[in-house]
Amino acid sequence: MPWEEKTLDQVLKITGMRCQHCVRRVHEALGAVAGVEVVRVDLDSGLARVRGRVDPAVLLAAVTALGYQAELS
């Protein structure tokens, strides 16, 4: 898998974030995923930028487990 071989920059489009509390929850959930090095979540754009060696499906699962919708952008 490409994500196992190198560090990737991935962008997730997240639907349902309404406030800074939502941003903090998403940031903490993504940051807790093994292999994630850097996370940036922006409320205005609804995007989360993640750098690390991690399966994109695991990132999406971490966000959807919080009750938000997410897709790779």
PDB file of N, CA and C in Angstrom:
ATOM      1  N   MET A   1       0.835  -1.185   0.000  1.00  0.00           N
ATOM      2  CA  MET A   1       0.000   0.000   0.000  1.00  0.00           C
ATOM      3  C   MET A   1       0.884   1.254   0.000  1.00  0.00           C
ATOM      4  N   PRO A   2       0.522   2.265  -0.799  1.00  0.00           N
ATOM      5  CA  PRO A   2       1.331   3.483  -0.856  1.00  0.00           C
ATOM      6  C   PRO A   2       1.422   4.193   0.494  1.00  0.00           C
ATOM      7  N   TRP A   3       0.371   4.154   1.294  1.00  0.00           N
ATOM      8  CA  TRP A   3       0.390   4.861   2.575  1.00  0.00           C
ATOM      9  C   TRP A   3       1.343   4.217   3.562  1.00  0.00           C
ATOM     10  N   GLU A   4       1.697   2.951   3.353  1.00  0.00           N
ATOM     11  CA  GLU A   4       2.650   2.283   4.238  1.00  0.00           C
ATOM     12  C   GLU A   4       4.085   2.626   3.872  1.00  0.00           C
ATOM     13  N   GLU A   5       4.309   3.034   2.641  1.00  0.00           N
ATOM     14  CA  GLU A   5       5.657   3.234   2.130  1.00  0.00           C
ATOM     15  C   GLU A   5       6.179   4.649   2.318  1.00  0.00           C
ATOM     16  N   LYS A   6       5.309   5.630   2.390  1.00  0.00           N
ATOM     17  CA  LYS A   6       5.779   7.011   2.481  1.00  0.00           C
ATOM     18  C   LYS A   6       4.771   7.877   3.218  1.00  0.00           C
ATOM     19  N   THR A   7       5.237   9.018   3.643  1.00  0.00           N
ATOM     20  CA  THR A   7       4.370   9.982   4.302  1.00  0.00           C
ATOM     21  C   THR A   7       3.496  10.645   3.251  1.00  0.00           C
ATOM     22  N   LEU A   8       2.194  10.703   3.518  1.00  0.00           N
ATOM     23  CA  LEU A   8       1.241  11.293   2.583  1.00  0.00           C
ATOM     24  C   LEU A   8       0.583  12.527   3.179  1.00  0.00           C
ATOM     25  N   ASP A   9       0.281  13.484   2.327  1.00  0.00           N
ATOM     26  CA  ASP A   9      -0.567  14.611   2.709  1.00  0.00           C
ATOM     27  C   ASP A   9      -1.951  14.293   2.168  1.00  0.00           C
ATOM     28  N   GLN A  10      -2.925  14.204   3.067  1.00  0.00           N
ATOM     29  CA  GLN A  10      -4.279  13.861   2.673  1.00  0.00           C
ATOM     30  C   GLN A  10      -5.234  14.972   3.113  1.00  0.00           C
ATOM     31  N   VAL A  11      -6.241  15.214   2.291  1.00  0.00           N
ATOM     32  CA  VAL A  11      -7.237  16.236   2.599  1.00  0.00           C
ATOM     33  C   VAL A  11      -8.593  15.556   2.689  1.00  0.00           C
ATOM     34  N   LEU A  12      -9.284  15.816   3.800  1.00  0.00           N
ATOM     35  CA  LEU A  12     -10.617  15.270   4.011  1.00  0.00           C
ATOM     36  C   LEU A  12     -11.625  16.410   4.019  1.00  0.00           C
ATOM     37  N   LYS A  13     -12.718  16.230   3.311  1.00  0.00           N
ATOM     38  CA  LYS A  13     -13.836  17.163   3.352  1.00  0.00           C
ATOM     39  C   LYS A  13     -14.785  16.645   4.421  1.00  0.00           C
ATOM     40  N   ILE A  14     -15.044  17.473   5.440  1.00  0.00           N
ATOM     41  CA  ILE A  14     -15.862  17.055   6.574  1.00  0.00           C
ATOM     42  C   ILE A  14     -17.134  17.887   6.597  1.00  0.00           C
ATOM     43  N   THR A  15     -18.252  17.209   6.680  1.00  0.00           N
ATOM     44  CA  THR A  15     -19.558  17.860   6.725  1.00  0.00           C
ATOM     45  C   THR A  15     -20.148  17.694   8.120  1.00  0.00           C
ATOM     46  N   GLY A  16     -20.677  18.775   8.646  1.00  0.00           N
ATOM     47  CA  GLY A  16     -21.349  18.704   9.942  1.00  0.00           C
ATOM     48  C   GLY A  16     -20.664  19.464  11.054  1.00  0.00           C
ATOM     49  N   MET A  17     -19.447  19.959  10.813  1.00  0.00           N
ATOM     50  CA  MET A  17     -18.787  20.760  11.838  1.00  0.00           C
ATOM     51  C   MET A  17     -19.467  22.129  11.889  1.00  0.00           C
ATOM     52  N   ARG A  18     -19.811  22.561  13.094  1.00  0.00           N
ATOM     53  CA  ARG A  18     -20.538  23.821  13.237  1.00  0.00           C
ATOM     54  C   ARG A  18     -19.826  24.857  14.123  1.00  0.00           C
ATOM     55  N   CYS A  19     -18.829  24.410  14.897  1.00  0.00           N
ATOM     56  CA  CYS A  19     -18.205  25.322  15.857  1.00  0.00           C
ATOM     57  C   CYS A  19     -16.779  24.868  16.161  1.00  0.00           C
ATOM     58  N   GLN A  20     -16.081  25.661  16.972  1.00  0.00           N
ATOM     59  CA  GLN A  20     -14.703  25.321  17.323  1.00  0.00           C
ATOM     60  C   GLN A  20     -14.625  24.045  18.165  1.00  0.00           C
ATOM     61  N   HIS A  21     -15.675  23.745  18.895  1.00  0.00           N
ATOM     62  CA  HIS A  21     -15.701  22.487  19.649  1.00  0.00           C
ATOM     63  C   HIS A  21     -15.663  21.305  18.679  1.00  0.00           C
ATOM     64  N   CYS A  22     -16.407  21.398  17.592  1.00  0.00           N
ATOM     65  CA  CYS A  22     -16.397  20.361  16.562  1.00  0.00           C
ATOM     66  C   CYS A  22     -14.990  20.216  15.983  1.00  0.00           C
ATOM     67  N   VAL A  23     -14.365  21.339  15.693  1.00  0.00           N
ATOM     68  CA  VAL A  23     -13.012  21.332  15.138  1.00  0.00           C
ATOM     69  C   VAL A  23     -12.061  20.624  16.097  1.00  0.00           C
ATOM     70  N   ARG A  24     -12.150  20.934  17.373  1.00  0.00           N
ATOM     71  CA  ARG A  24     -11.280  20.325  18.380  1.00  0.00           C
ATOM     72  C   ARG A  24     -11.496  18.813  18.450  1.00  0.00           C
ATOM     73  N   ARG A  25     -12.762  18.383  18.411  1.00  0.00           N
ATOM     74  CA  ARG A  25     -13.061  16.942  18.448  1.00  0.00           C
ATOM     75  C   ARG A  25     -12.453  16.213  17.246  1.00  0.00           C
ATOM     76  N   VAL A  26     -12.624  16.790  16.067  1.00  0.00           N
ATOM     77  CA  VAL A  26     -12.087  16.175  14.848  1.00  0.00           C
ATOM     78  C   VAL A  26     -10.554  16.165  14.901  1.00  0.00           C
ATOM     79  N   HIS A  27      -9.970  17.277  15.317  1.00  0.00           N
ATOM     80  CA  HIS A  27      -8.513  17.380  15.417  1.00  0.00           C
ATOM     81  C   HIS A  27      -7.963  16.308  16.362  1.00  0.00           C
ATOM     82  N   GLU A  28      -8.580  16.152  17.514  1.00  0.00           N
ATOM     83  CA  GLU A  28      -8.117  15.164  18.495  1.00  0.00           C
ATOM     84  C   GLU A  28      -8.294  13.735  17.981  1.00  0.00           C
ATOM     85  N   ALA A  29      -9.407  13.471  17.307  1.00  0.00           N
ATOM     86  CA  ALA A  29      -9.651  12.124  16.787  1.00  0.00           C
ATOM     87  C   ALA A  29      -8.634  11.762  15.705  1.00  0.00           C
ATOM     88  N   LEU A  30      -8.376  12.692  14.803  1.00  0.00           N
ATOM     89  CA  LEU A  30      -7.405  12.423  13.744  1.00  0.00           C
ATOM     90  C   LEU A  30      -5.993  12.327  14.310  1.00  0.00           C
ATOM     91  N   GLY A  31      -5.674  13.180  15.256  1.00  0.00           N
ATOM     92  CA  GLY A  31      -4.353  13.156  15.864  1.00  0.00           C
ATOM     93  C   GLY A  31      -4.072  11.884  16.639  1.00  0.00           C
ATOM     94  N   ALA A  32      -5.117  11.205  17.085  1.00  0.00           N
ATOM     95  CA  ALA A  32      -4.957   9.972  17.854  1.00  0.00           C
ATOM     96  C   ALA A  32      -4.733   8.735  16.974  1.00  0.00           C
ATOM     97  N   VAL A  33      -4.908   8.896  15.666  1.00  0.00           N
ATOM     98  CA  VAL A  33      -4.717   7.769  14.748  1.00  0.00           C
ATOM     99  C   VAL A  33      -3.215   7.483  14.616  1.00  0.00           C
ATOM    100  N   ALA A  34      -2.850   6.231  14.791  1.00  0.00           N
ATOM    101  CA  ALA A  34      -1.450   5.828  14.676  1.00  0.00           C
ATOM    102  C   ALA A  34      -0.906   6.179  13.292  1.00  0.00           C
ATOM    103  N   GLY A  35       0.259   6.808  13.265  1.00  0.00           N
ATOM    104  CA  GLY A  35       0.903   7.177  12.012  1.00  0.00           C
ATOM    105  C   GLY A  35       0.690   8.618  11.606  1.00  0.00           C
ATOM    106  N   VAL A  36      -0.261   9.303  12.241  1.00  0.00           N
ATOM    107  CA  VAL A  36      -0.528  10.707  11.916  1.00  0.00           C
ATOM    108  C   VAL A  36       0.552  11.577  12.558  1.00  0.00           C
ATOM    109  N   GLU A  37       1.129  12.470  11.760  1.00  0.00           N
ATOM    110  CA  GLU A  37       2.182  13.363  12.229  1.00  0.00           C
ATOM    111  C   GLU A  37       1.675  14.784  12.462  1.00  0.00           C
ATOM    112  N   VAL A  38       0.847  15.285  11.542  1.00  0.00           N
ATOM    113  CA  VAL A  38       0.356  16.662  11.614  1.00  0.00           C
ATOM    114  C   VAL A  38      -1.114  16.682  11.208  1.00  0.00           C
ATOM    115  N   VAL A  39      -1.914  17.469  11.939  1.00  0.00           N
ATOM    116  CA  VAL A  39      -3.338  17.641  11.610  1.00  0.00           C
ATOM    117  C   VAL A  39      -3.661  19.124  11.638  1.00  0.00           C
ATOM    118  N   ARG A  40      -4.397  19.571  10.639  1.00  0.00           N
ATOM    119  CA  ARG A  40      -4.937  20.937  10.615  1.00  0.00           C
ATOM    120  C   ARG A  40      -6.387  20.828  10.186  1.00  0.00           C
ATOM    121  N   VAL A  41      -7.283  21.391  10.987  1.00  0.00           N
ATOM    122  CA  VAL A  41      -8.712  21.345  10.680  1.00  0.00           C
ATOM    123  C   VAL A  41      -9.210  22.782  10.589  1.00  0.00           C
ATOM    124  N   ASP A  42      -9.928  23.086   9.508  1.00  0.00           N
ATOM    125  CA  ASP A  42     -10.431  24.440   9.284  1.00  0.00           C
ATOM    126  C   ASP A  42     -11.955  24.426   9.215  1.00  0.00           C
ATOM    127  N   LEU A  43     -12.584  25.154  10.117  1.00  0.00           N
ATOM    128  CA  LEU A  43     -14.041  25.210  10.178  1.00  0.00           C
ATOM    129  C   LEU A  43     -14.635  25.868   8.938  1.00  0.00           C
ATOM    130  N   ASP A  44     -14.059  26.982   8.501  1.00  0.00           N
ATOM    131  CA  ASP A  44     -14.625  27.733   7.376  1.00  0.00           C
ATOM    132  C   ASP A  44     -14.675  26.921   6.080  1.00  0.00           C
ATOM    133  N   SER A  45     -13.600  26.200   5.795  1.00  0.00           N
ATOM    134  CA  SER A  45     -13.564  25.421   4.553  1.00  0.00           C
ATOM    135  C   SER A  45     -14.134  24.019   4.735  1.00  0.00           C
ATOM    136  N   GLY A  46     -14.192  23.544   5.986  1.00  0.00           N
ATOM    137  CA  GLY A  46     -14.648  22.191   6.251  1.00  0.00           C
ATOM    138  C   GLY A  46     -13.618  21.140   5.880  1.00  0.00           C
ATOM    139  N   LEU A  47     -12.354  21.558   5.802  1.00  0.00           N
ATOM    140  CA  LEU A  47     -11.301  20.643   5.396  1.00  0.00           C
ATOM    141  C   LEU A  47     -10.390  20.282   6.565  1.00  0.00           C
ATOM    142  N   ALA A  48      -9.939  19.045   6.546  1.00  0.00           N
ATOM    143  CA  ALA A  48      -8.913  18.592   7.476  1.00  0.00           C
ATOM    144  C   ALA A  48      -7.730  18.142   6.629  1.00  0.00           C
ATOM    145  N   ARG A  49      -6.565  18.661   6.937  1.00  0.00           N
ATOM    146  CA  ARG A  49      -5.340  18.273   6.240  1.00  0.00           C
ATOM    147  C   ARG A  49      -4.523  17.420   7.196  1.00  0.00           C
ATOM    148  N   VAL A  50      -4.153  16.243   6.724  1.00  0.00           N
ATOM    149  CA  VAL A  50      -3.464  15.276   7.579  1.00  0.00           C
ATOM    150  C   VAL A  50      -2.191  14.821   6.883  1.00  0.00           C
ATOM    151  N   ARG A  51      -1.105  14.805   7.626  1.00  0.00           N
ATOM    152  CA  ARG A  51       0.159  14.290   7.108  1.00  0.00           C
ATOM    153  C   ARG A  51       0.555  13.087   7.952  1.00  0.00           C
ATOM    154  N   GLY A  52       0.964  12.019   7.275  1.00  0.00           N
ATOM    155  CA  GLY A  52       1.439  10.854   8.000  1.00  0.00           C
ATOM    156  C   GLY A  52       1.364   9.602   7.167  1.00  0.00           C
ATOM    157  N   ARG A  53       1.766   8.521   7.790  1.00  0.00           N
ATOM    158  CA  ARG A  53       1.696   7.197   7.166  1.00  0.00           C
ATOM    159  C   ARG A  53       0.476   6.497   7.733  1.00  0.00           C
ATOM    160  N   VAL A  54      -0.635   6.699   7.071  1.00  0.00           N
ATOM    161  CA  VAL A  54      -1.889   6.163   7.594  1.00  0.00           C
ATOM    162  C   VAL A  54      -2.853   5.867   6.446  1.00  0.00           C
ATOM    163  N   ASP A  55      -3.591   4.797   6.603  1.00  0.00           N
ATOM    164  CA  ASP A  55      -4.597   4.393   5.627  1.00  0.00           C
ATOM    165  C   ASP A  55      -5.714   5.442   5.618  1.00  0.00           C
ATOM    166  N   PRO A  56      -6.060   5.998   4.470  1.00  0.00           N
ATOM    167  CA  PRO A  56      -7.126   6.992   4.403  1.00  0.00           C
ATOM    168  C   PRO A  56      -8.448   6.490   4.984  1.00  0.00           C
ATOM    169  N   ALA A  57      -8.726   5.207   4.843  1.00  0.00           N
ATOM    170  CA  ALA A  57      -9.971   4.651   5.379  1.00  0.00           C
ATOM    171  C   ALA A  57     -10.023   4.769   6.902  1.00  0.00           C
ATOM    172  N   VAL A  58      -8.880   4.683   7.546  1.00  0.00           N
ATOM    173  CA  VAL A  58      -8.824   4.815   9.001  1.00  0.00           C
ATOM    174  C   VAL A  58      -9.123   6.262   9.411  1.00  0.00           C
ATOM    175  N   LEU A  59      -8.630   7.217   8.640  1.00  0.00           N
ATOM    176  CA  LEU A  59      -8.930   8.627   8.914  1.00  0.00           C
ATOM    177  C   LEU A  59     -10.427   8.892   8.766  1.00  0.00           C
ATOM    178  N   LEU A  60     -11.005   8.391   7.695  1.00  0.00           N
ATOM    179  CA  LEU A  60     -12.441   8.587   7.476  1.00  0.00           C
ATOM    180  C   LEU A  60     -13.250   7.946   8.596  1.00  0.00           C
ATOM    181  N   ALA A  61     -12.852   6.772   9.029  1.00  0.00           N
ATOM    182  CA  ALA A  61     -13.559   6.083  10.115  1.00  0.00           C
ATOM    183  C   ALA A  61     -13.468   6.857  11.419  1.00  0.00           C
ATOM    184  N   ALA A  62     -12.321   7.480  11.680  1.00  0.00           N
ATOM    185  CA  ALA A  62     -12.148   8.255  12.911  1.00  0.00           C
ATOM    186  C   ALA A  62     -13.109   9.439  12.947  1.00  0.00           C
ATOM    187  N   VAL A  63     -13.325  10.055  11.792  1.00  0.00           N
ATOM    188  CA  VAL A  63     -14.227  11.212  11.718  1.00  0.00           C
ATOM    189  C   VAL A  63     -15.685  10.773  11.762  1.00  0.00           C
ATOM    190  N   THR A  64     -16.032   9.750  11.024  1.00  0.00           N
ATOM    191  CA  THR A  64     -17.432   9.312  11.000  1.00  0.00           C
ATOM    192  C   THR A  64     -17.853   8.734  12.339  1.00  0.00           C
ATOM    193  N   ALA A  65     -16.918   8.192  13.106  1.00  0.00           N
ATOM    194  CA  ALA A  65     -17.254   7.683  14.445  1.00  0.00           C
ATOM    195  C   ALA A  65     -17.717   8.807  15.369  1.00  0.00           C
ATOM    196  N   LEU A  66     -17.356  10.042  15.042  1.00  0.00           N
ATOM    197  CA  LEU A  66     -17.802  11.201  15.824  1.00  0.00           C
ATOM    198  C   LEU A  66     -19.179  11.698  15.400  1.00  0.00           C
ATOM    199  N   GLY A  67     -19.689  11.170  14.286  1.00  0.00           N
ATOM    200  CA  GLY A  67     -20.995  11.578  13.810  1.00  0.00           C
ATOM    201  C   GLY A  67     -20.968  12.557  12.666  1.00  0.00           C
ATOM    202  N   TYR A  68     -19.777  12.833  12.130  1.00  0.00           N
ATOM    203  CA  TYR A  68     -19.642  13.720  10.968  1.00  0.00           C
ATOM    204  C   TYR A  68     -19.519  12.877   9.711  1.00  0.00           C
ATOM    205  N   GLN A  69     -19.770  13.488   8.573  1.00  0.00           N
ATOM    206  CA  GLN A  69     -19.548  12.828   7.298  1.00  0.00           C
ATOM    207  C   GLN A  69     -18.184  13.272   6.771  1.00  0.00           C
ATOM    208  N   ALA A  70     -17.468  12.350   6.159  1.00  0.00           N
ATOM    209  CA  ALA A  70     -16.138  12.689   5.648  1.00  0.00           C
ATOM    210  C   ALA A  70     -15.876  11.950   4.346  1.00  0.00           C
ATOM    211  N   GLU A  71     -15.127  12.611   3.489  1.00  0.00           N
ATOM    212  CA  GLU A  71     -14.694  12.003   2.233  1.00  0.00           C
ATOM    213  C   GLU A  71     -13.337  12.587   1.876  1.00  0.00           C
ATOM    214  N   LEU A  72     -12.590  11.833   1.091  1.00  0.00           N
ATOM    215  CA  LEU A  72     -11.313  12.356   0.617  1.00  0.00           C
ATOM    216  C   LEU A  72     -11.577  13.450  -0.394  1.00  0.00           C
ATOM    217  N   SER A  73     -10.804  14.501  -0.287  1.00  0.00           N
ATOM    218  CA  SER A  73     -10.991  15.641  -1.189  1.00  0.00           C
ATOM    219  C   SER A  73      -9.835  15.731  -2.152  1.00  0.00           C
TER     220      SER A  73
END
